[in-house]
Amino acid sequence: MSTTGSASNQLNFPTTLNFDSYGNLFVVDQNNARIQKFVQLNITNEHSYNQPMFCSNASWDPNAITFSYNVSIPSTGMFIDTNNTIYIADGINGRIQIWLTGSTNPTKILS
């Protein structure tokens, strides 16, 4: 099996990663122009607010959920706040794309 590609368990030039307050891992998959979400399998009830504290046997589902295909590529950074709002910096177009909790398309774009 190839480790590079566009299947749900593959990435093609991942550039940025971050965690939400539930410990789920978000990865900007640059060459596939998408954000992949890897769900943490052994979830605790503790919210970590972007500095996850994982147990020694922490694991994530190897098949990601495509969070969004509407990602400006190349993105230069990603931040997830305590409300799980996702911010993607788009340095080429001089803007920030914002996804509110639960949305799969940017709900706001700041220039």
N, C-alpha and C. Protein backbone atom coordinates (compact mmCIF):
# COMPACT_ATOMS: atom_id res chain seq x y z
N MET A 1 0.84 -1.18 0.00
CA MET A 1 0.00 0.00 0.00
C MET A 1 0.88 1.24 0.00
N SER A 2 0.53 2.20 -0.81
CA SER A 2 1.26 3.46 -0.88
C SER A 2 0.92 4.32 0.33
N THR A 3 1.90 5.01 0.87
CA THR A 3 1.65 5.89 2.00
C THR A 3 1.28 7.29 1.54
N THR A 4 1.47 7.59 0.27
CA THR A 4 1.10 8.89 -0.28
C THR A 4 -0.04 8.69 -1.26
N GLY A 5 -1.08 9.50 -1.11
CA GLY A 5 -2.22 9.39 -2.02
C GLY A 5 -3.39 10.20 -1.53
N SER A 6 -4.57 9.88 -2.04
CA SER A 6 -5.76 10.65 -1.69
C SER A 6 -6.83 9.82 -0.99
N ALA A 7 -6.53 8.57 -0.64
CA ALA A 7 -7.48 7.75 0.11
C ALA A 7 -7.61 8.30 1.53
N SER A 8 -8.63 7.83 2.27
CA SER A 8 -8.88 8.36 3.60
C SER A 8 -7.75 8.06 4.59
N ASN A 9 -6.93 7.08 4.30
CA ASN A 9 -5.81 6.75 5.20
C ASN A 9 -4.47 7.19 4.62
N GLN A 10 -4.50 8.12 3.66
CA GLN A 10 -3.27 8.61 3.04
C GLN A 10 -3.25 10.14 3.03
N LEU A 11 -2.06 10.67 3.04
CA LEU A 11 -1.85 12.12 2.92
C LEU A 11 -0.85 12.35 1.80
N ASN A 12 -0.92 13.55 1.21
CA ASN A 12 0.01 13.92 0.16
C ASN A 12 0.55 15.31 0.48
N PHE A 13 1.69 15.36 1.13
CA PHE A 13 2.37 16.57 1.58
C PHE A 13 1.58 17.28 2.68
N PRO A 14 1.46 16.63 3.86
CA PRO A 14 0.83 17.30 5.00
C PRO A 14 1.71 18.44 5.49
N THR A 15 1.11 19.59 5.74
CA THR A 15 1.90 20.77 6.11
C THR A 15 1.67 21.25 7.53
N THR A 16 0.48 21.07 8.07
CA THR A 16 0.15 21.62 9.37
C THR A 16 -0.77 20.65 10.10
N LEU A 17 -0.59 20.55 11.40
CA LEU A 17 -1.53 19.75 12.19
C LEU A 17 -1.86 20.46 13.48
N ASN A 18 -3.04 20.11 14.01
CA ASN A 18 -3.48 20.70 15.27
C ASN A 18 -4.53 19.78 15.88
N PHE A 19 -4.80 19.98 17.16
CA PHE A 19 -5.78 19.17 17.88
C PHE A 19 -6.94 20.05 18.31
N ASP A 20 -8.17 19.49 18.30
CA ASP A 20 -9.30 20.21 18.88
C ASP A 20 -9.39 19.85 20.36
N SER A 21 -10.38 20.39 21.05
CA SER A 21 -10.47 20.18 22.50
C SER A 21 -10.82 18.75 22.87
N TYR A 22 -11.22 17.93 21.90
CA TYR A 22 -11.53 16.52 22.16
C TYR A 22 -10.36 15.60 21.86
N GLY A 23 -9.24 16.15 21.39
CA GLY A 23 -8.07 15.35 21.06
C GLY A 23 -8.07 14.83 19.64
N ASN A 24 -9.06 15.24 18.82
CA ASN A 24 -9.07 14.85 17.41
C ASN A 24 -7.96 15.59 16.68
N LEU A 25 -7.33 14.94 15.74
CA LEU A 25 -6.20 15.49 15.01
C LEU A 25 -6.66 16.00 13.65
N PHE A 26 -6.36 17.26 13.34
CA PHE A 26 -6.67 17.87 12.04
C PHE A 26 -5.36 18.09 11.29
N VAL A 27 -5.31 17.69 10.02
CA VAL A 27 -4.11 17.80 9.22
C VAL A 27 -4.45 18.50 7.90
N VAL A 28 -3.68 19.54 7.56
CA VAL A 28 -3.81 20.16 6.24
C VAL A 28 -3.03 19.28 5.27
N ASP A 29 -3.75 18.69 4.33
CA ASP A 29 -3.20 17.77 3.33
C ASP A 29 -3.03 18.60 2.05
N GLN A 30 -1.89 19.25 1.93
CA GLN A 30 -1.70 20.29 0.93
C GLN A 30 -1.92 19.84 -0.51
N ASN A 31 -1.29 18.76 -0.95
CA ASN A 31 -1.41 18.37 -2.36
C ASN A 31 -2.76 17.78 -2.72
N ASN A 32 -3.57 17.44 -1.71
CA ASN A 32 -4.95 17.00 -1.96
C ASN A 32 -5.95 18.12 -1.68
N ALA A 33 -5.46 19.31 -1.32
CA ALA A 33 -6.28 20.50 -1.08
C ALA A 33 -7.44 20.21 -0.13
N ARG A 34 -7.12 19.59 1.02
CA ARG A 34 -8.17 19.25 1.97
C ARG A 34 -7.64 19.29 3.40
N ILE A 35 -8.57 19.28 4.34
CA ILE A 35 -8.24 19.11 5.75
C ILE A 35 -8.78 17.75 6.15
N GLN A 36 -7.92 16.91 6.73
CA GLN A 36 -8.33 15.59 7.18
C GLN A 36 -8.47 15.61 8.71
N LYS A 37 -9.53 14.98 9.19
CA LYS A 37 -9.78 14.88 10.63
C LYS A 37 -9.63 13.42 11.04
N PHE A 38 -8.70 13.16 11.97
CA PHE A 38 -8.50 11.83 12.51
C PHE A 38 -9.11 11.81 13.92
N VAL A 39 -10.15 11.01 14.10
CA VAL A 39 -10.89 10.97 15.35
C VAL A 39 -10.13 10.14 16.38
N GLN A 40 -9.99 10.70 17.58
CA GLN A 40 -9.33 9.96 18.65
C GLN A 40 -10.25 8.83 19.08
N LEU A 41 -9.71 7.62 19.18
CA LEU A 41 -10.52 6.44 19.49
C LEU A 41 -10.79 6.26 20.98
N ASN A 42 -9.82 6.55 21.82
CA ASN A 42 -10.01 6.36 23.25
C ASN A 42 -10.16 7.74 23.92
N ILE A 43 -11.34 8.29 23.76
CA ILE A 43 -11.63 9.65 24.22
C ILE A 43 -11.88 9.65 25.73
N THR A 44 -11.30 10.64 26.38
CA THR A 44 -11.60 10.86 27.80
C THR A 44 -12.60 12.00 27.88
N ASN A 45 -13.15 12.24 29.02
CA ASN A 45 -14.11 13.33 29.18
C ASN A 45 -13.44 14.66 29.49
N GLU A 46 -12.12 14.67 29.50
CA GLU A 46 -11.40 15.90 29.79
C GLU A 46 -11.13 16.68 28.51
N HIS A 47 -11.49 17.95 28.50
CA HIS A 47 -11.17 18.81 27.37
C HIS A 47 -9.78 19.38 27.58
N SER A 48 -9.02 19.46 26.51
CA SER A 48 -7.62 19.83 26.66
C SER A 48 -7.29 21.22 26.12
N TYR A 49 -8.16 21.79 25.29
CA TYR A 49 -7.98 23.14 24.77
C TYR A 49 -6.61 23.36 24.13
N ASN A 50 -6.37 22.61 23.08
CA ASN A 50 -5.24 22.78 22.19
C ASN A 50 -3.90 22.34 22.76
N GLN A 51 -3.88 21.82 23.95
CA GLN A 51 -2.67 21.24 24.50
C GLN A 51 -3.05 19.89 25.08
N PRO A 52 -3.35 18.94 24.19
CA PRO A 52 -3.87 17.66 24.65
C PRO A 52 -2.93 16.94 25.60
N MET A 53 -3.53 16.28 26.56
CA MET A 53 -2.79 15.41 27.47
C MET A 53 -3.30 14.01 27.19
N PHE A 54 -2.52 13.22 26.47
CA PHE A 54 -2.95 11.91 26.04
C PHE A 54 -2.42 10.84 26.99
N CYS A 55 -3.22 9.78 27.13
CA CYS A 55 -2.75 8.64 27.91
C CYS A 55 -1.70 7.89 27.07
N SER A 56 -1.00 6.98 27.70
CA SER A 56 0.09 6.29 27.02
C SER A 56 -0.38 5.40 25.87
N ASN A 57 -1.66 5.05 25.84
CA ASN A 57 -2.17 4.20 24.75
C ASN A 57 -3.11 4.97 23.82
N ALA A 58 -2.93 6.27 23.71
CA ALA A 58 -3.78 7.08 22.83
C ALA A 58 -3.68 6.58 21.39
N SER A 59 -4.81 6.55 20.70
CA SER A 59 -4.81 6.11 19.30
C SER A 59 -5.91 6.84 18.55
N TRP A 60 -5.74 6.90 17.24
CA TRP A 60 -6.68 7.58 16.37
C TRP A 60 -7.13 6.63 15.28
N ASP A 61 -8.34 6.87 14.77
CA ASP A 61 -8.84 6.08 13.65
C ASP A 61 -7.91 6.29 12.47
N PRO A 62 -7.37 5.23 11.86
CA PRO A 62 -6.43 5.40 10.74
C PRO A 62 -7.10 5.93 9.46
N ASN A 63 -8.41 5.83 9.37
CA ASN A 63 -9.14 6.36 8.21
C ASN A 63 -9.74 7.69 8.59
N ALA A 64 -9.24 8.74 7.98
CA ALA A 64 -9.67 10.09 8.31
C ALA A 64 -11.01 10.43 7.68
N ILE A 65 -11.64 11.44 8.24
CA ILE A 65 -12.83 12.06 7.67
C ILE A 65 -12.35 13.31 6.96
N THR A 66 -12.77 13.50 5.70
CA THR A 66 -12.39 14.74 5.02
C THR A 66 -13.24 15.85 5.61
N PHE A 67 -12.58 16.74 6.34
CA PHE A 67 -13.26 17.84 7.00
C PHE A 67 -13.69 18.90 5.99
N SER A 68 -12.81 19.23 5.04
CA SER A 68 -13.14 20.23 4.04
C SER A 68 -12.22 20.10 2.84
N TYR A 69 -12.80 20.31 1.66
CA TYR A 69 -12.02 20.39 0.43
C TYR A 69 -11.78 21.85 0.04
N ASN A 70 -12.36 22.77 0.77
CA ASN A 70 -12.28 24.19 0.42
C ASN A 70 -11.12 24.86 1.14
N VAL A 71 -9.93 24.35 0.93
CA VAL A 71 -8.76 24.87 1.61
C VAL A 71 -7.87 25.58 0.60
N SER A 72 -7.49 26.81 0.94
CA SER A 72 -6.55 27.53 0.08
C SER A 72 -5.18 26.89 0.24
N ILE A 73 -4.60 26.53 -0.85
CA ILE A 73 -3.31 25.85 -0.84
C ILE A 73 -2.29 26.75 -1.52
N PRO A 74 -1.12 26.96 -0.99
CA PRO A 74 -0.66 26.38 0.26
C PRO A 74 -1.13 27.19 1.45
N SER A 75 -1.52 26.53 2.50
CA SER A 75 -1.86 27.22 3.74
C SER A 75 -0.57 27.37 4.53
N THR A 76 -0.51 28.41 5.32
CA THR A 76 0.72 28.67 6.06
C THR A 76 0.57 28.43 7.55
N GLY A 77 -0.61 28.01 7.98
CA GLY A 77 -0.80 27.72 9.40
C GLY A 77 -2.24 27.39 9.71
N MET A 78 -2.43 26.73 10.86
CA MET A 78 -3.77 26.37 11.31
C MET A 78 -3.82 26.54 12.82
N PHE A 79 -4.97 27.03 13.30
CA PHE A 79 -5.18 27.18 14.74
C PHE A 79 -6.61 26.74 15.03
N ILE A 80 -6.81 26.02 16.14
CA ILE A 80 -8.13 25.63 16.60
C ILE A 80 -8.32 26.20 17.99
N ASP A 81 -9.37 27.04 18.16
CA ASP A 81 -9.57 27.69 19.46
C ASP A 81 -10.37 26.80 20.41
N THR A 82 -10.66 27.31 21.60
CA THR A 82 -11.34 26.52 22.63
C THR A 82 -12.78 26.17 22.26
N ASN A 83 -13.36 26.87 21.29
CA ASN A 83 -14.71 26.55 20.79
C ASN A 83 -14.65 25.61 19.59
N ASN A 84 -13.46 25.11 19.26
CA ASN A 84 -13.21 24.24 18.11
C ASN A 84 -13.47 24.94 16.77
N THR A 85 -13.34 26.25 16.75
CA THR A 85 -13.35 27.02 15.50
C THR A 85 -11.98 26.88 14.88
N ILE A 86 -11.95 26.60 13.57
CA ILE A 86 -10.68 26.37 12.87
C ILE A 86 -10.32 27.58 12.03
N TYR A 87 -9.09 28.03 12.14
CA TYR A 87 -8.56 29.16 11.38
C TYR A 87 -7.43 28.66 10.50
N ILE A 88 -7.50 28.95 9.20
CA ILE A 88 -6.44 28.57 8.27
C ILE A 88 -5.87 29.85 7.66
N ALA A 89 -4.55 30.03 7.78
CA ALA A 89 -3.89 31.19 7.19
C ALA A 89 -3.57 30.90 5.73
N ASP A 90 -3.99 31.80 4.87
CA ASP A 90 -3.76 31.70 3.42
C ASP A 90 -2.85 32.87 3.05
N GLY A 91 -1.53 32.64 3.15
CA GLY A 91 -0.56 33.70 2.91
C GLY A 91 -0.53 34.19 1.48
N ILE A 92 -0.79 33.32 0.50
CA ILE A 92 -0.73 33.72 -0.90
C ILE A 92 -1.83 34.73 -1.24
N ASN A 93 -3.04 34.48 -0.72
CA ASN A 93 -4.17 35.38 -1.00
C ASN A 93 -4.38 36.42 0.09
N GLY A 94 -3.52 36.41 1.12
CA GLY A 94 -3.59 37.41 2.19
C GLY A 94 -4.89 37.37 2.96
N ARG A 95 -5.32 36.17 3.38
CA ARG A 95 -6.58 36.06 4.09
C ARG A 95 -6.53 34.91 5.10
N ILE A 96 -7.54 34.90 5.96
CA ILE A 96 -7.72 33.82 6.92
C ILE A 96 -9.11 33.24 6.69
N GLN A 97 -9.16 31.91 6.51
CA GLN A 97 -10.44 31.23 6.36
C GLN A 97 -10.84 30.67 7.72
N ILE A 98 -12.13 30.79 8.05
CA ILE A 98 -12.62 30.38 9.36
C ILE A 98 -13.78 29.40 9.20
N TRP A 99 -13.66 28.26 9.90
CA TRP A 99 -14.73 27.27 9.95
C TRP A 99 -15.26 27.24 11.37
N LEU A 100 -16.53 27.57 11.57
CA LEU A 100 -17.12 27.46 12.90
C LEU A 100 -17.40 25.99 13.20
N THR A 101 -17.56 25.66 14.47
CA THR A 101 -17.81 24.28 14.88
C THR A 101 -18.98 23.69 14.09
N GLY A 102 -18.75 22.52 13.52
CA GLY A 102 -19.80 21.82 12.80
C GLY A 102 -19.91 22.15 11.33
N SER A 103 -19.20 23.17 10.83
CA SER A 103 -19.31 23.53 9.41
C SER A 103 -18.19 22.85 8.62
N THR A 104 -18.49 22.53 7.36
CA THR A 104 -17.50 21.90 6.48
C THR A 104 -17.02 22.86 5.40
N ASN A 105 -17.61 24.03 5.35
CA ASN A 105 -17.18 25.09 4.44
C ASN A 105 -16.80 26.30 5.26
N PRO A 106 -15.87 27.12 4.78
CA PRO A 106 -15.52 28.32 5.55
C PRO A 106 -16.77 29.18 5.75
N THR A 107 -17.00 29.58 7.00
CA THR A 107 -18.16 30.42 7.30
C THR A 107 -17.79 31.90 7.28
N LYS A 108 -16.50 32.18 7.28
CA LYS A 108 -16.05 33.57 7.26
C LYS A 108 -14.67 33.61 6.63
N ILE A 109 -14.40 34.67 5.89
CA ILE A 109 -13.07 34.88 5.31
C ILE A 109 -12.64 36.31 5.66
N LEU A 110 -11.51 36.42 6.32
CA LEU A 110 -10.96 37.74 6.66
C LEU A 110 -9.84 38.07 5.70
N SER A 111 -9.91 39.26 5.10
CA SER A 111 -8.85 39.69 4.18
C SER A 111 -7.87 40.58 4.89
